[in-house]
Amino acid sequence: MRLLKPLPAQLDVIASGQEGLVSAAQLDAIGVDASWRYRLVHQCRLTRVTQGVFDTDLVPPEQRSRADVLDHLRRRPAWLGLLAGGPGSTAIGVCALALHEAKGLPRTLRPEVVAPDGKWRPPRDGIVFRKIGTTVTATFGGTFRIATVTHALALGVVQMRRDDAVAVMDDLLHTRKATADDLARAHELARGHRDVEATHPWWQLADGRAESPLESVARLACLDAGIPPDTLQLVVRDANGTFLGRIDLAWRLPDGSWLLVEIDGAEVHRAPQAVYRDRNRQNSLVSAGGSRLLRFTAKDLRSRMIMTLSTLLHQAGWRAGGYADHGRPAVLGTLPAALGHSL
């Protein structure tokens, strides 16, 4: 049996930094010419994605199971656009945000890029080539460019649903990849884009205290239901000053007690160590008294969570805007009898 010609070692190095993708030009540079590429595709050792771009991972993207698969599937379209555009191309909008490693982006992104010459090109294989001449960029990946976070947001927010857009802005603030001034600047820049009118209220909803996109979506669900949290990431201590935890969403009830809510993401809370930690913290909070802790998952956010919280807050006589949030820790005391019952 004829042995297959081994691929150059440089191929894995290049592909690993580009979500498994390589360009024809990059392959040429390491000695894989057009005829060899043709044979590799015919032998199912490379997959042609679009003209001049190949995938070294033969598993279809939707069937991949790597640990970071969701982030990989968001970054891959960004790299596809850059490689299709060629050296000097610029990642923009949500693709640039994916390369900036922003959390909360939609699961599916459309490859979108500005070609090196800045001129519009007709779309091909789902890749959109845009003409945006005023985007401020930085060097990325050696021979490519990426829009700054501010300019990426200016275009990207209008391309997302509200929950995703706010979750992305929350994450950028939380990770300090953007400041409140950056968001204000991006909002001003966004005014020049089509369909921006509907997004104007979204920019005021960003809150860097949110520690995950799920928390952002939960907060927005509560806001839509007329029960916005009184505070986020509430530090809780017992009467002796011992730190008991930091709670995702919290409401101060009229009787002085707290209704506390934790949003459980599977990737964080599924590990055994996390389960034990969460259980111990919950036991400490319950033992301290003066609060009621509820936990919800992603599937609860627009249904069970809202129904449960709305009922409890209404029964407690809670009103929105009744608590002045100064960022002070909550000190738990004796559990009021009114909150002692179970759901």
Protein backbone atom coordinates (compact mmCIF):
# COMPACT_ATOMS: atom_id res chain seq x y z
CA MET A 1 0.00 0.00 0.00
CA ARG A 2 1.31 3.43 -0.93
CA LEU A 3 2.21 5.53 2.11
CA LEU A 4 0.71 8.99 2.35
CA LYS A 5 3.17 11.85 2.16
CA PRO A 6 3.57 13.37 5.65
CA LEU A 7 2.43 16.93 6.14
CA PRO A 8 4.92 19.62 7.20
CA ALA A 9 5.15 20.03 10.97
CA GLN A 10 4.51 23.77 10.60
CA LEU A 11 0.95 23.07 9.49
CA ASP A 12 -0.25 22.11 12.99
CA VAL A 13 1.45 25.17 14.47
CA ILE A 14 -0.26 27.54 12.05
CA ALA A 15 -3.67 25.86 12.26
CA SER A 16 -3.67 25.69 16.06
CA GLY A 17 -3.65 29.48 16.25
CA GLN A 18 -6.43 29.87 13.69
CA GLU A 19 -9.12 27.49 14.99
CA GLY A 20 -7.85 24.75 12.69
CA LEU A 21 -8.05 26.83 9.51
CA VAL A 22 -5.24 27.61 7.06
CA SER A 23 -5.08 29.61 3.86
CA ALA A 24 -3.73 28.53 0.50
CA ALA A 25 -1.03 31.19 0.81
CA GLN A 26 0.07 29.80 4.18
CA LEU A 27 0.16 26.30 2.74
CA ASP A 28 2.22 27.51 -0.21
CA ALA A 29 4.70 29.09 2.22
CA ILE A 30 5.38 25.71 3.88
CA GLY A 31 5.63 23.79 0.62
CA VAL A 32 2.07 22.50 0.21
CA ASP A 33 1.37 23.65 -3.34
CA ALA A 34 -1.89 23.59 -5.28
CA SER A 35 -1.47 20.04 -6.62
CA TRP A 36 -0.64 18.68 -3.16
CA ARG A 37 -3.64 20.52 -1.68
CA TYR A 38 -5.84 18.94 -4.32
CA ARG A 39 -4.62 15.47 -3.31
CA LEU A 40 -5.05 16.22 0.41
CA VAL A 41 -8.67 17.21 -0.14
CA HIS A 42 -9.24 14.14 -2.33
CA GLN A 43 -7.67 11.96 0.41
CA CYS A 44 -9.90 13.60 3.06
CA ARG A 45 -6.89 14.99 4.90
CA LEU A 46 -8.00 18.59 4.40
CA THR A 47 -11.45 20.09 3.91
CA ARG A 48 -11.97 23.01 1.54
CA VAL A 49 -14.15 25.58 3.34
CA THR A 50 -14.12 28.32 0.73
CA GLN A 51 -11.84 29.48 -2.04
CA GLY A 52 -8.32 29.60 -0.63
CA VAL A 53 -9.22 28.39 2.90
CA PHE A 54 -8.95 24.85 4.28
CA ASP A 55 -9.87 23.16 7.56
CA THR A 56 -7.44 20.73 9.16
CA ASP A 57 -10.17 19.36 11.44
CA LEU A 58 -12.15 16.85 9.41
CA VAL A 59 -15.02 16.65 11.92
CA PRO A 60 -17.90 18.93 10.82
CA PRO A 61 -18.02 22.00 13.09
CA GLU A 62 -21.49 21.18 14.44
CA GLN A 63 -20.27 17.72 15.54
CA ARG A 64 -17.14 18.83 17.40
CA SER A 65 -16.88 18.14 21.12
CA ARG A 66 -13.74 19.89 22.36
CA ALA A 67 -13.87 21.46 25.82
CA ASP A 68 -14.08 25.01 24.47
CA VAL A 69 -16.37 24.11 21.58
CA LEU A 70 -18.73 27.09 21.91
CA ASP A 71 -15.90 29.63 21.95
CA HIS A 72 -14.21 27.73 19.13
CA LEU A 73 -17.35 27.89 17.00
CA ARG A 74 -17.55 31.66 17.58
CA ARG A 75 -13.90 32.33 16.75
CA ARG A 76 -13.83 30.06 13.72
CA PRO A 77 -16.03 32.32 11.51
CA ALA A 78 -13.83 35.28 12.44
CA TRP A 79 -10.75 33.43 11.26
CA LEU A 80 -12.57 32.20 8.16
CA GLY A 81 -13.30 35.79 7.18
CA LEU A 82 -9.71 36.93 7.81
CA LEU A 83 -8.17 34.08 5.84
CA ALA A 84 -10.62 34.51 2.98
CA GLY A 85 -9.81 38.23 2.84
CA GLY A 86 -6.08 37.61 2.96
CA PRO A 87 -3.20 39.31 4.84
CA GLY A 88 -4.13 42.80 5.97
CA SER A 89 -7.84 41.97 6.34
CA THR A 90 -9.69 43.33 9.38
CA ALA A 91 -12.07 41.46 11.67
CA ILE A 92 -15.03 43.68 12.58
CA GLY A 93 -18.29 43.60 14.53
CA VAL A 94 -19.20 40.42 16.38
CA CYS A 95 -16.28 38.58 14.74
CA ALA A 96 -13.85 41.06 16.26
CA LEU A 97 -15.60 40.69 19.62
CA ALA A 98 -15.16 36.91 19.39
CA LEU A 99 -11.43 37.37 18.81
CA HIS A 100 -11.34 39.77 21.77
CA GLU A 101 -12.75 36.76 23.71
CA ALA A 102 -15.93 38.53 24.77
CA LYS A 103 -18.44 36.27 26.52
CA GLY A 104 -22.16 36.28 25.79
CA LEU A 105 -21.99 36.35 21.99
CA PRO A 106 -24.59 34.48 19.92
CA ARG A 107 -23.77 30.84 19.30
CA THR A 108 -23.66 31.33 15.53
CA LEU A 109 -21.67 34.15 13.93
CA ARG A 110 -21.53 35.24 10.33
CA PRO A 111 -17.99 35.69 8.95
CA GLU A 112 -17.59 39.42 8.41
CA VAL A 113 -14.41 41.18 7.32
CA VAL A 114 -12.96 44.24 5.65
CA ALA A 115 -10.62 43.30 2.79
CA PRO A 116 -7.07 44.74 2.72
CA ASP A 117 -8.00 47.31 0.08
CA GLY A 118 -11.07 48.38 2.07
CA LYS A 119 -13.34 47.85 -0.92
CA TRP A 120 -16.67 46.04 -0.92
CA ARG A 121 -16.72 42.56 -2.39
CA PRO A 122 -19.70 40.32 -3.14
CA PRO A 123 -20.40 37.73 -0.41
CA ARG A 124 -19.16 34.19 -0.96
CA ASP A 125 -19.87 31.01 0.98
CA GLY A 126 -21.56 33.05 3.72
CA ILE A 127 -18.61 35.44 4.15
CA VAL A 128 -19.54 39.13 4.10
CA PHE A 129 -16.98 41.67 2.92
CA ARG A 130 -17.78 45.16 4.16
CA LYS A 131 -16.50 48.62 3.34
CA ILE A 132 -15.84 50.49 6.58
CA GLY A 133 -13.18 53.11 6.22
CA THR A 134 -13.15 54.70 9.68
CA THR A 135 -12.71 51.64 11.89
CA VAL A 136 -9.79 51.95 14.32
CA THR A 137 -7.85 48.70 14.33
CA ALA A 138 -4.91 46.95 15.92
CA THR A 139 -2.52 44.32 14.56
CA PHE A 140 -3.74 40.79 15.16
CA GLY A 141 -2.24 37.40 14.40
CA GLY A 142 0.79 38.84 12.66
CA THR A 143 -0.55 39.79 9.24
CA PHE A 144 -4.18 40.57 10.07
CA ARG A 145 -6.01 43.36 11.86
CA ILE A 146 -8.86 43.50 14.36
CA ALA A 147 -11.23 46.34 15.18
CA THR A 148 -10.76 47.79 18.64
CA VAL A 149 -13.32 46.79 21.26
CA THR A 150 -15.01 50.19 20.94
CA HIS A 151 -15.37 49.99 17.16
CA ALA A 152 -16.30 46.31 17.29
CA LEU A 153 -19.13 47.14 19.71
CA ALA A 154 -20.33 50.05 17.57
CA LEU A 155 -21.09 47.64 14.74
CA GLY A 156 -21.64 44.45 16.71
CA VAL A 157 -24.41 45.58 19.08
CA VAL A 158 -26.83 46.27 16.23
CA GLN A 159 -26.18 42.75 14.94
CA MET A 160 -27.23 41.01 18.16
CA ARG A 161 -30.37 40.43 20.17
CA ARG A 162 -30.70 42.61 23.24
CA ASP A 163 -29.84 39.89 25.78
CA ASP A 164 -26.67 38.93 23.92
CA ALA A 165 -25.61 42.55 23.38
CA VAL A 166 -26.04 43.45 27.06
CA ALA A 167 -24.29 40.25 28.18
CA VAL A 168 -21.32 41.12 25.95
CA MET A 169 -21.13 44.67 27.31
CA ASP A 170 -21.41 43.33 30.86
CA ASP A 171 -18.51 40.97 30.22
CA LEU A 172 -16.30 43.63 28.66
CA LEU A 173 -16.86 45.87 31.67
CA HIS A 174 -16.36 43.02 34.13
CA THR A 175 -13.09 41.89 32.53
CA ARG A 176 -11.98 45.52 32.10
CA LYS A 177 -11.55 45.14 28.37
CA ALA A 178 -13.77 48.21 28.10
CA THR A 179 -14.74 51.09 30.36
CA ALA A 180 -18.00 52.98 30.73
CA ASP A 181 -16.43 55.73 28.59
CA ASP A 182 -15.60 53.14 25.91
CA LEU A 183 -19.23 52.03 25.83
CA ALA A 184 -20.42 55.62 25.58
CA ARG A 185 -18.03 56.20 22.68
CA ALA A 186 -19.18 53.00 20.97
CA HIS A 187 -22.79 54.10 21.36
CA GLU A 188 -22.01 57.38 19.64
CA LEU A 189 -20.23 55.57 16.82
CA ALA A 190 -23.15 53.16 16.47
CA ARG A 191 -25.52 56.02 15.66
CA GLY A 192 -24.17 55.97 12.14
CA HIS A 193 -25.21 52.36 11.50
CA ARG A 194 -28.49 51.07 10.15
CA ASP A 195 -31.14 49.77 12.59
CA VAL A 196 -29.44 51.41 15.57
CA GLU A 197 -32.62 53.08 16.90
CA ALA A 198 -33.91 49.97 18.67
CA THR A 199 -30.59 49.51 20.48
CA HIS A 200 -30.39 52.91 22.19
CA PRO A 201 -31.90 51.70 25.52
CA TRP A 202 -29.61 48.67 25.62
CA TRP A 203 -26.46 50.67 26.21
CA GLN A 204 -27.83 51.92 29.54
CA LEU A 205 -28.38 48.37 30.80
CA ALA A 206 -24.74 47.25 30.91
CA ASP A 207 -23.45 46.38 34.37
CA GLY A 208 -19.92 45.16 34.95
CA ARG A 209 -20.85 43.43 38.20
CA ALA A 210 -22.37 40.52 36.27
CA GLU A 211 -19.93 37.62 36.30
CA SER A 212 -21.46 35.51 33.52
CA PRO A 213 -23.80 35.87 30.54
CA LEU A 214 -26.38 33.79 32.42
CA GLU A 215 -26.43 36.34 35.21
CA SER A 216 -26.92 39.10 32.64
CA VAL A 217 -29.86 37.30 31.05
CA ALA A 218 -31.38 36.60 34.47
CA ARG A 219 -31.13 40.28 35.40
CA LEU A 220 -32.79 41.32 32.16
CA ALA A 221 -35.57 38.77 32.64
CA CYS A 222 -36.27 40.25 36.07
CA LEU A 223 -36.17 43.77 34.67
CA ASP A 224 -38.68 42.83 31.95
CA ALA A 225 -40.97 41.31 34.60
CA GLY A 226 -40.93 44.49 36.69
CA ILE A 227 -38.82 43.00 39.49
CA PRO A 228 -35.30 44.37 38.90
CA PRO A 229 -32.80 43.18 41.53
CA ASP A 230 -32.01 45.69 44.25
CA THR A 231 -28.34 44.84 43.92
CA LEU A 232 -25.91 42.47 42.22
CA GLN A 233 -23.02 40.45 43.62
CA LEU A 234 -24.11 41.17 47.17
CA VAL A 235 -21.44 40.37 49.76
CA VAL A 236 -23.05 38.53 52.67
CA ARG A 237 -21.63 38.21 56.19
CA ASP A 238 -22.98 36.74 59.41
CA ALA A 239 -23.44 38.66 62.64
CA ASN A 240 -19.80 38.00 63.56
CA GLY A 241 -18.55 39.50 60.30
CA THR A 242 -17.63 36.15 58.74
CA PHE A 243 -17.80 36.16 54.96
CA LEU A 244 -20.54 33.81 53.79
CA GLY A 245 -20.56 34.45 50.07
CA ARG A 246 -21.26 36.79 47.20
CA ILE A 247 -24.75 36.45 45.74
CA ASP A 248 -25.63 37.00 42.08
CA LEU A 249 -29.00 38.79 42.49
CA ALA A 250 -30.55 40.14 45.68
CA TRP A 251 -33.71 41.91 46.84
CA ARG A 252 -34.06 43.69 50.19
CA LEU A 253 -37.53 42.95 51.56
CA PRO A 254 -39.62 45.41 53.61
CA ASP A 255 -39.12 43.41 56.82
CA GLY A 256 -35.32 43.83 56.52
CA SER A 257 -34.59 40.30 55.28
CA TRP A 258 -33.07 39.36 51.94
CA LEU A 259 -34.28 37.30 49.02
CA LEU A 260 -31.13 35.91 47.41
CA VAL A 261 -30.79 34.25 44.01
CA GLU A 262 -27.92 32.28 42.52
CA ILE A 263 -27.75 31.48 38.80
CA ASP A 264 -26.12 28.10 38.24
CA GLY A 265 -24.18 27.56 35.03
CA ALA A 266 -23.53 23.91 34.23
CA GLU A 267 -19.89 24.47 33.30
CA VAL A 268 -19.13 25.98 36.72
CA HIS A 269 -21.38 24.14 39.12
CA ARG A 270 -21.33 20.59 37.71
CA ALA A 271 -17.91 19.66 39.10
CA PRO A 272 -18.01 17.76 42.44
CA GLN A 273 -15.87 20.39 44.18
CA ALA A 274 -18.29 23.11 43.10
CA VAL A 275 -21.29 21.08 44.29
CA TYR A 276 -19.74 20.66 47.75
CA ARG A 277 -18.76 24.34 47.91
CA ASP A 278 -22.24 25.50 46.88
CA ARG A 279 -23.88 23.19 49.42
CA ASN A 280 -21.66 24.36 52.28
CA ARG A 281 -22.23 28.00 51.41
CA GLN A 282 -25.99 27.50 51.19
CA ASN A 283 -26.01 25.77 54.58
CA SER A 284 -24.06 28.67 56.10
CA LEU A 285 -26.45 31.24 54.67
CA VAL A 286 -29.53 29.37 55.89
CA SER A 287 -28.01 28.90 59.35
CA ALA A 288 -27.26 32.62 59.66
CA GLY A 289 -30.94 33.48 59.17
CA GLY A 290 -32.41 36.67 57.77
CA SER A 291 -32.45 35.50 54.17
CA ARG A 292 -33.90 33.04 51.73
CA LEU A 293 -31.67 31.58 49.01
CA LEU A 294 -33.04 30.24 45.73
CA ARG A 295 -31.09 28.66 42.88
CA PHE A 296 -32.02 28.62 39.19
CA THR A 297 -30.50 27.28 35.98
CA ALA A 298 -30.57 28.57 32.41
CA LYS A 299 -33.82 26.81 31.55
CA ASP A 300 -35.58 28.54 34.48
CA LEU A 301 -34.76 32.15 33.64
CA ARG A 302 -37.83 33.16 31.63
CA SER A 303 -40.29 30.81 33.30
CA ARG A 304 -39.95 29.25 36.75
CA MET A 305 -37.60 31.91 38.09
CA ILE A 306 -39.85 34.83 37.18
CA MET A 307 -43.02 33.12 38.44
CA THR A 308 -41.36 32.19 41.75
CA LEU A 309 -39.73 35.56 42.39
CA SER A 310 -42.78 37.58 41.36
CA THR A 311 -44.95 35.64 43.79
CA LEU A 312 -42.54 35.90 46.71
CA LEU A 313 -41.82 39.60 46.18
CA HIS A 314 -45.52 40.42 45.86
CA GLN A 315 -46.31 38.50 49.05
CA ALA A 316 -43.52 40.33 50.88
CA GLY A 317 -44.80 43.74 49.78
CA TRP A 318 -41.60 44.55 47.90
CA ARG A 319 -41.53 47.58 45.59
CA ALA A 320 -38.96 48.42 42.94
CA GLY A 321 -36.64 51.30 43.81
CA GLY A 322 -37.20 51.01 47.53
CA TYR A 323 -33.61 50.11 48.35
CA ALA A 324 -30.67 52.50 48.07
CA ASP A 325 -27.78 50.36 46.87
CA HIS A 326 -24.56 51.72 48.39
CA GLY A 327 -22.58 48.53 47.78
CA ARG A 328 -22.39 47.67 51.46
CA PRO A 329 -22.29 44.01 52.59
CA ALA A 330 -25.48 42.47 53.99
CA VAL A 331 -25.23 41.28 57.58
CA LEU A 332 -27.60 38.39 58.18
CA GLY A 333 -29.38 37.87 61.49
CA THR A 334 -32.40 35.95 62.64
CA LEU A 335 -34.58 34.44 59.92
CA PRO A 336 -38.03 36.13 59.97
CA ALA A 337 -40.87 33.70 60.46
CA ALA A 338 -42.59 34.95 57.33
CA LEU A 339 -39.75 33.60 55.21
CA GLY A 340 -39.30 30.34 57.06
CA HIS A 341 -41.67 28.32 54.91
CA SER A 342 -40.47 26.34 51.92
CA LEU A 343 -41.59 26.59 48.31
